Amino acid sequence: MKIGMNLLLWTGFVTEAEFPILAKIKAAGFDGVELPLFDGTAEHYKMIRAELDRQGLACSTVTVMNPDTNPISPDASIRHAAVERLKWAIEMNQILGSVAMCGPYHSPLGVFSGAGPTAVEKGHAVEVLRKAAEFAAQAKLTLAIEYLNRFECYFLTTAADARALVKAVDHPNFRCMYDTFHAHIEEKSQAAGIAACQDVFAHVHISENDRGTPGTGQVRWDEAFQAIRSTGYDGWCVIEAFGRALPDLAAATRVWRDLFPSPDEVYTKGIAFIREKWAAAK
């Protein structure tokens, strides 16, 4: 098992200003970081890659879609824009040497239809994401699609839904991820959620029920780690926590108060917590 830290705790766009944070994360014992991938150029990410290599950190990435790049839109031109957006993101991942690209890029965040997903929307998603998976294969990248809770999207909200999408896309470079925060809301239990996607998940987010420091809230952690280990999973467990440093992200994730004393607590206590629970789950 490898442990990563999502940099959205500090920034939505990693620059040289975050290099000291990378050093602190490396010193704390992390194997890698998860970079937000929302915009930027190839030259910029070559510079970030050089620093990651210098510090000995691997990386994964997280990206999202917006209404103008909506994979399930009824407008074919918007779906085409979604493919182009995903192609750009995959190219940036290749530059970064990323191990996986995760995120809810099946549909735009916070956009609702007033009903559940339709068969037509599911068909659009399969078409767009299969094209993305072909690009990902060329880049030797795993796409790990993320299901969210019902308050953040309507298209993909359970582990069973995520598995069904993976099976429909039917491509070896397209898998799903498991996030303990969303599972805490949507699944009957952590174990049930993991069982529902155990043959197709390829990435894990360790996220507390209030998005604070892992181990300080209500997630059934013993159950979660035991279920994850029981599948034979030996990939990335990435801490994902959100604060108020980024107003737009805080608004999107509904973070209205401080959830931890400092970011340092999140990653230092978080990595110790993961190691403890992983070892106990044997």
Protein backbone atom coordinates (compact mmCIF):
# COMPACT_ATOMS: atom_id res chain seq x y z
CA MET A 1 0.00 0.00 0.00
CA LYS A 2 1.19 3.50 -0.86
CA ILE A 3 0.06 6.69 0.87
CA GLY A 4 -0.61 9.99 -0.85
CA MET A 5 -1.80 13.48 0.15
CA ASN A 6 -4.29 15.47 -1.89
CA LEU A 7 -3.00 19.02 -2.40
CA LEU A 8 -6.48 20.55 -2.58
CA LEU A 9 -6.03 21.16 1.12
CA TRP A 10 -3.73 24.02 0.08
CA THR A 11 -4.35 24.96 -3.53
CA GLY A 12 -6.30 24.37 -6.72
CA PHE A 13 -3.21 25.02 -8.87
CA VAL A 14 0.21 23.83 -7.74
CA THR A 15 3.09 26.27 -8.37
CA GLU A 16 6.57 26.86 -6.96
CA ALA A 17 4.87 28.37 -3.91
CA GLU A 18 3.81 24.85 -2.87
CA PHE A 19 7.25 23.27 -3.21
CA PRO A 20 7.99 23.70 0.53
CA ILE A 21 4.72 21.87 1.24
CA LEU A 22 5.84 19.03 -1.02
CA ALA A 23 9.04 18.81 1.01
CA LYS A 24 7.11 18.62 4.28
CA ILE A 25 4.84 15.92 2.89
CA LYS A 26 7.86 13.92 1.74
CA ALA A 27 9.52 14.35 5.12
CA ALA A 28 6.36 13.05 6.83
CA GLY A 29 6.79 9.77 4.94
CA PHE A 30 4.32 10.03 2.09
CA ASP A 31 4.95 8.15 -1.14
CA GLY A 32 3.27 10.75 -3.31
CA VAL A 33 0.81 13.59 -3.73
CA GLU A 34 -2.44 14.07 -5.62
CA LEU A 35 -2.42 17.18 -7.79
CA PRO A 36 -5.51 19.18 -8.75
CA LEU A 37 -5.65 19.31 -12.53
CA PHE A 38 -8.02 22.08 -13.53
CA ASP A 39 -5.93 24.15 -15.94
CA GLY A 40 -2.32 24.83 -16.94
CA THR A 41 0.11 24.21 -19.76
CA ALA A 42 2.45 21.41 -20.68
CA GLU A 43 5.43 23.59 -19.79
CA HIS A 44 4.01 24.24 -16.34
CA TYR A 45 3.52 20.56 -15.60
CA LYS A 46 7.00 19.71 -16.87
CA MET A 47 8.28 22.07 -14.18
CA ILE A 48 6.08 20.42 -11.55
CA ARG A 49 7.24 16.97 -12.69
CA ALA A 50 10.87 18.00 -12.30
CA GLU A 51 10.25 19.04 -8.70
CA LEU A 52 8.34 15.87 -7.89
CA ASP A 53 11.21 13.82 -9.27
CA ARG A 54 13.72 15.89 -7.32
CA GLN A 55 11.84 15.25 -4.09
CA GLY A 56 11.16 11.59 -4.84
CA LEU A 57 7.38 11.89 -4.88
CA ALA A 58 5.03 10.00 -7.18
CA CYS A 59 1.72 11.56 -8.11
CA SER A 60 -1.87 11.00 -9.05
CA THR A 61 -4.25 13.71 -10.18
CA VAL A 62 -7.85 14.77 -9.69
CA THR A 63 -9.96 16.64 -12.22
CA VAL A 64 -13.59 17.69 -12.68
CA MET A 65 -15.92 18.77 -15.46
CA ASN A 66 -18.13 21.84 -15.83
CA PRO A 67 -21.37 22.52 -17.74
CA ASP A 68 -19.41 23.46 -20.87
CA THR A 69 -17.59 20.11 -20.85
CA ASN A 70 -20.43 17.89 -19.67
CA PRO A 71 -20.00 14.26 -20.82
CA ILE A 72 -23.73 13.54 -20.43
CA SER A 73 -25.04 16.67 -22.14
CA PRO A 74 -27.71 16.24 -24.84
CA ASP A 75 -25.61 18.64 -26.96
CA ALA A 76 -23.08 16.74 -29.09
CA SER A 77 -20.76 19.74 -29.26
CA ILE A 78 -20.55 19.86 -25.46
CA ARG A 79 -19.83 16.14 -25.33
CA HIS A 80 -17.08 16.69 -27.90
CA ALA A 81 -15.68 19.43 -25.64
CA ALA A 82 -15.73 16.89 -22.79
CA VAL A 83 -13.60 14.48 -24.82
CA GLU A 84 -11.14 17.25 -25.65
CA ARG A 85 -10.98 18.31 -22.01
CA LEU A 86 -10.26 14.75 -20.90
CA LYS A 87 -7.67 14.37 -23.64
CA TRP A 88 -5.88 17.49 -22.36
CA ALA A 89 -6.00 16.17 -18.79
CA ILE A 90 -4.60 12.81 -19.84
CA GLU A 91 -1.76 14.51 -21.71
CA MET A 92 -0.89 16.50 -18.58
CA ASN A 93 -0.96 13.27 -16.56
CA GLN A 94 1.49 11.71 -18.99
CA ILE A 95 3.85 14.66 -18.55
CA LEU A 96 3.56 14.35 -14.76
CA GLY A 97 4.16 10.60 -14.81
CA SER A 98 0.90 10.20 -12.92
CA VAL A 99 -0.21 6.78 -11.68
CA ALA A 100 -3.94 7.53 -11.94
CA MET A 101 -6.45 10.27 -12.69
CA CYS A 102 -9.39 10.26 -10.34
CA GLY A 103 -12.40 12.51 -9.89
CA PRO A 104 -16.08 12.80 -10.83
CA TYR A 105 -15.50 13.60 -14.49
CA HIS A 106 -18.62 11.69 -15.48
CA SER A 107 -20.74 14.85 -15.07
CA PRO A 108 -20.39 18.46 -13.88
CA LEU A 109 -20.26 19.17 -10.16
CA GLY A 110 -23.37 20.63 -8.57
CA VAL A 111 -25.53 20.41 -11.70
CA PHE A 112 -28.86 18.63 -11.21
CA SER A 113 -31.69 17.60 -13.52
CA GLY A 114 -34.30 17.08 -10.80
CA ALA A 115 -34.34 13.33 -11.45
CA GLY A 116 -32.02 10.37 -11.60
CA PRO A 117 -29.79 9.57 -14.57
CA THR A 118 -31.50 8.47 -17.77
CA ALA A 119 -30.53 5.67 -20.11
CA VAL A 120 -29.59 8.26 -22.72
CA GLU A 121 -27.28 10.05 -20.26
CA LYS A 122 -25.65 6.76 -19.34
CA GLY A 123 -25.08 6.05 -23.00
CA HIS A 124 -23.46 9.44 -23.49
CA ALA A 125 -21.17 8.85 -20.52
CA VAL A 126 -20.06 5.48 -21.86
CA GLU A 127 -19.30 6.97 -25.28
CA VAL A 128 -17.24 9.87 -23.91
CA LEU A 129 -15.42 7.88 -21.25
CA ARG A 130 -14.53 5.03 -23.59
CA LYS A 131 -12.85 7.56 -25.89
CA ALA A 132 -11.01 8.94 -22.87
CA ALA A 133 -9.93 5.43 -21.90
CA GLU A 134 -8.40 4.95 -25.36
CA PHE A 135 -6.31 8.09 -24.85
CA ALA A 136 -5.42 6.87 -21.36
CA ALA A 137 -4.17 3.57 -22.74
CA GLN A 138 -1.74 5.44 -24.99
CA ALA A 139 -0.52 7.35 -21.92
CA LYS A 140 -0.36 4.18 -19.78
CA LEU A 141 -2.71 5.88 -17.32
CA THR A 142 -5.50 4.44 -15.19
CA LEU A 143 -8.73 6.44 -15.10
CA ALA A 144 -10.39 6.01 -11.69
CA ILE A 145 -13.88 7.50 -11.88
CA GLU A 146 -15.33 8.76 -8.60
CA TYR A 147 -18.90 8.47 -7.45
CA LEU A 148 -20.15 11.29 -5.26
CA ASN A 149 -22.97 11.66 -2.79
CA ARG A 150 -26.47 12.74 -3.83
CA PHE A 151 -25.88 16.31 -2.65
CA GLU A 152 -23.04 16.88 -5.13
CA CYS A 153 -24.32 15.12 -8.24
CA TYR A 154 -27.14 12.93 -9.48
CA PHE A 155 -25.43 10.82 -12.13
CA LEU A 156 -23.16 8.52 -10.11
CA THR A 157 -23.81 8.15 -6.38
CA THR A 158 -23.07 4.57 -5.29
CA ALA A 159 -20.34 1.98 -5.62
CA ALA A 160 -22.77 -0.26 -7.51
CA ASP A 161 -23.45 2.56 -9.99
CA ALA A 162 -19.71 3.08 -10.43
CA ARG A 163 -19.15 -0.61 -11.10
CA ALA A 164 -21.96 -0.65 -13.65
CA LEU A 165 -20.36 2.29 -15.47
CA VAL A 166 -16.95 0.59 -15.49
CA LYS A 167 -18.51 -2.56 -16.92
CA ALA A 168 -20.37 -0.57 -19.58
CA VAL A 169 -17.27 1.36 -20.67
CA ASP A 170 -15.48 -2.00 -20.81
CA HIS A 171 -11.91 -0.82 -21.16
CA PRO A 172 -8.89 -1.98 -19.12
CA ASN A 173 -7.75 1.60 -18.47
CA PHE A 174 -11.11 2.65 -17.02
CA ARG A 175 -11.78 1.75 -13.39
CA CYS A 176 -13.42 3.42 -10.40
CA MET A 177 -12.23 4.68 -7.05
CA TYR A 178 -13.57 4.36 -3.52
CA ASP A 179 -14.00 7.37 -1.25
CA THR A 180 -14.82 6.78 2.42
CA PHE A 181 -16.58 10.17 2.72
CA HIS A 182 -19.11 9.56 -0.05
CA ALA A 183 -19.56 5.96 1.08
CA HIS A 184 -20.32 7.16 4.61
CA ILE A 185 -23.32 9.02 3.18
CA GLU A 186 -24.54 6.70 0.45
CA GLU A 187 -23.71 3.11 1.41
CA LYS A 188 -25.30 0.91 4.04
CA SER A 189 -21.80 0.23 5.34
CA GLN A 190 -18.19 0.70 4.29
CA ALA A 191 -17.87 -3.04 3.75
CA ALA A 192 -20.97 -3.16 1.56
CA GLY A 193 -19.71 -0.31 -0.57
CA ILE A 194 -16.32 -1.92 -1.10
CA ALA A 195 -17.90 -5.29 -1.85
CA ALA A 196 -20.07 -3.65 -4.52
CA CYS A 197 -17.04 -2.49 -6.54
CA GLN A 198 -14.23 -4.72 -5.30
CA ASP A 199 -13.40 -6.13 -8.72
CA VAL A 200 -13.09 -2.73 -10.44
CA PHE A 201 -11.77 -0.16 -7.95
CA ALA A 202 -8.22 1.09 -8.45
CA HIS A 203 -7.79 4.05 -6.11
CA VAL A 204 -8.88 5.01 -2.60
CA HIS A 205 -9.57 8.32 -0.91
CA ILE A 206 -9.27 8.33 2.87
CA SER A 207 -11.65 11.09 3.88
CA GLU A 208 -13.40 11.69 7.20
CA ASN A 209 -17.15 12.25 7.38
CA ASP A 210 -16.64 16.00 8.02
CA ARG A 211 -13.69 16.26 5.58
CA GLY A 212 -11.32 16.85 8.49
CA THR A 213 -8.45 14.80 9.90
CA PRO A 214 -8.91 11.06 9.23
CA GLY A 215 -9.74 9.18 12.42
CA THR A 216 -11.45 12.05 14.22
CA GLY A 217 -15.01 11.51 13.03
CA GLN A 218 -17.72 8.93 12.40
CA VAL A 219 -16.44 6.85 9.49
CA ARG A 220 -16.30 3.15 10.47
CA TRP A 221 -12.59 2.97 9.86
CA ASP A 222 -11.87 -0.54 11.13
CA GLU A 223 -14.56 -1.90 8.84
CA ALA A 224 -13.31 0.17 5.90
CA PHE A 225 -9.67 -0.89 6.18
CA GLN A 226 -10.53 -4.53 6.80
CA ALA A 227 -12.79 -4.58 3.75
CA ILE A 228 -10.20 -2.88 1.55
CA ARG A 229 -7.42 -5.25 2.63
CA SER A 230 -9.67 -8.29 2.22
CA THR A 231 -9.88 -7.58 -1.52
CA GLY A 232 -6.10 -7.82 -1.87
CA TYR A 233 -5.85 -4.13 -2.75
CA ASP A 234 -2.30 -2.84 -2.50
CA GLY A 235 -2.56 0.48 -4.31
CA TRP A 236 -2.85 4.12 -3.28
CA CYS A 237 -4.65 5.41 -0.19
CA VAL A 238 -4.79 9.19 -0.56
CA ILE A 239 -5.86 11.54 2.22
CA GLU A 240 -8.47 14.01 1.02
CA ALA A 241 -9.42 16.83 3.37
CA PHE A 242 -10.81 20.29 2.70
CA GLY A 243 -10.46 23.57 4.54
CA ARG A 244 -11.30 27.22 3.96
CA ALA A 245 -8.07 28.30 2.29
CA LEU A 246 -9.72 28.22 -1.16
CA PRO A 247 -13.06 30.09 -1.08
CA ASP A 248 -14.42 28.55 -4.31
CA LEU A 249 -13.53 25.02 -3.23
CA ALA A 250 -14.85 25.64 0.28
CA ALA A 251 -18.14 26.74 -1.23
CA ALA A 252 -18.27 23.74 -3.56
CA THR A 253 -17.56 21.30 -0.73
CA ARG A 254 -19.77 23.18 1.78
CA VAL A 255 -16.96 23.82 4.24
CA TRP A 256 -18.20 26.70 6.40
CA ARG A 257 -16.00 26.25 9.47
CA ASP A 258 -12.53 25.09 10.44
CA LEU A 259 -12.44 21.29 10.64
CA PHE A 260 -8.91 20.95 12.04
CA PRO A 261 -6.38 23.14 13.89
CA SER A 262 -3.94 23.24 10.96
CA PRO A 263 -3.16 21.45 7.68
CA ASP A 264 -0.08 20.00 9.37
CA GLU A 265 -2.33 18.02 11.69
CA VAL A 266 -4.25 16.54 8.78
CA TYR A 267 -1.28 14.97 7.05
CA THR A 268 0.91 14.12 10.06
CA LYS A 269 -1.87 12.50 12.08
CA GLY A 270 -3.49 11.19 8.91
CA ILE A 271 -0.51 9.17 7.74
CA ALA A 272 0.03 7.70 11.20
CA PHE A 273 -3.65 6.76 11.34
CA ILE A 274 -3.57 5.02 7.95
CA ARG A 275 -0.49 3.03 8.85
CA GLU A 276 -2.01 1.96 12.16
CA LYS A 277 -5.33 0.89 10.68
CA TRP A 278 -3.74 -0.83 7.70
CA ALA A 279 -1.48 -2.89 9.94
CA ALA A 280 -4.38 -3.81 12.24
CA ALA A 281 -6.54 -4.91 9.31
CA LYS A 282 -4.37 -7.94 8.47
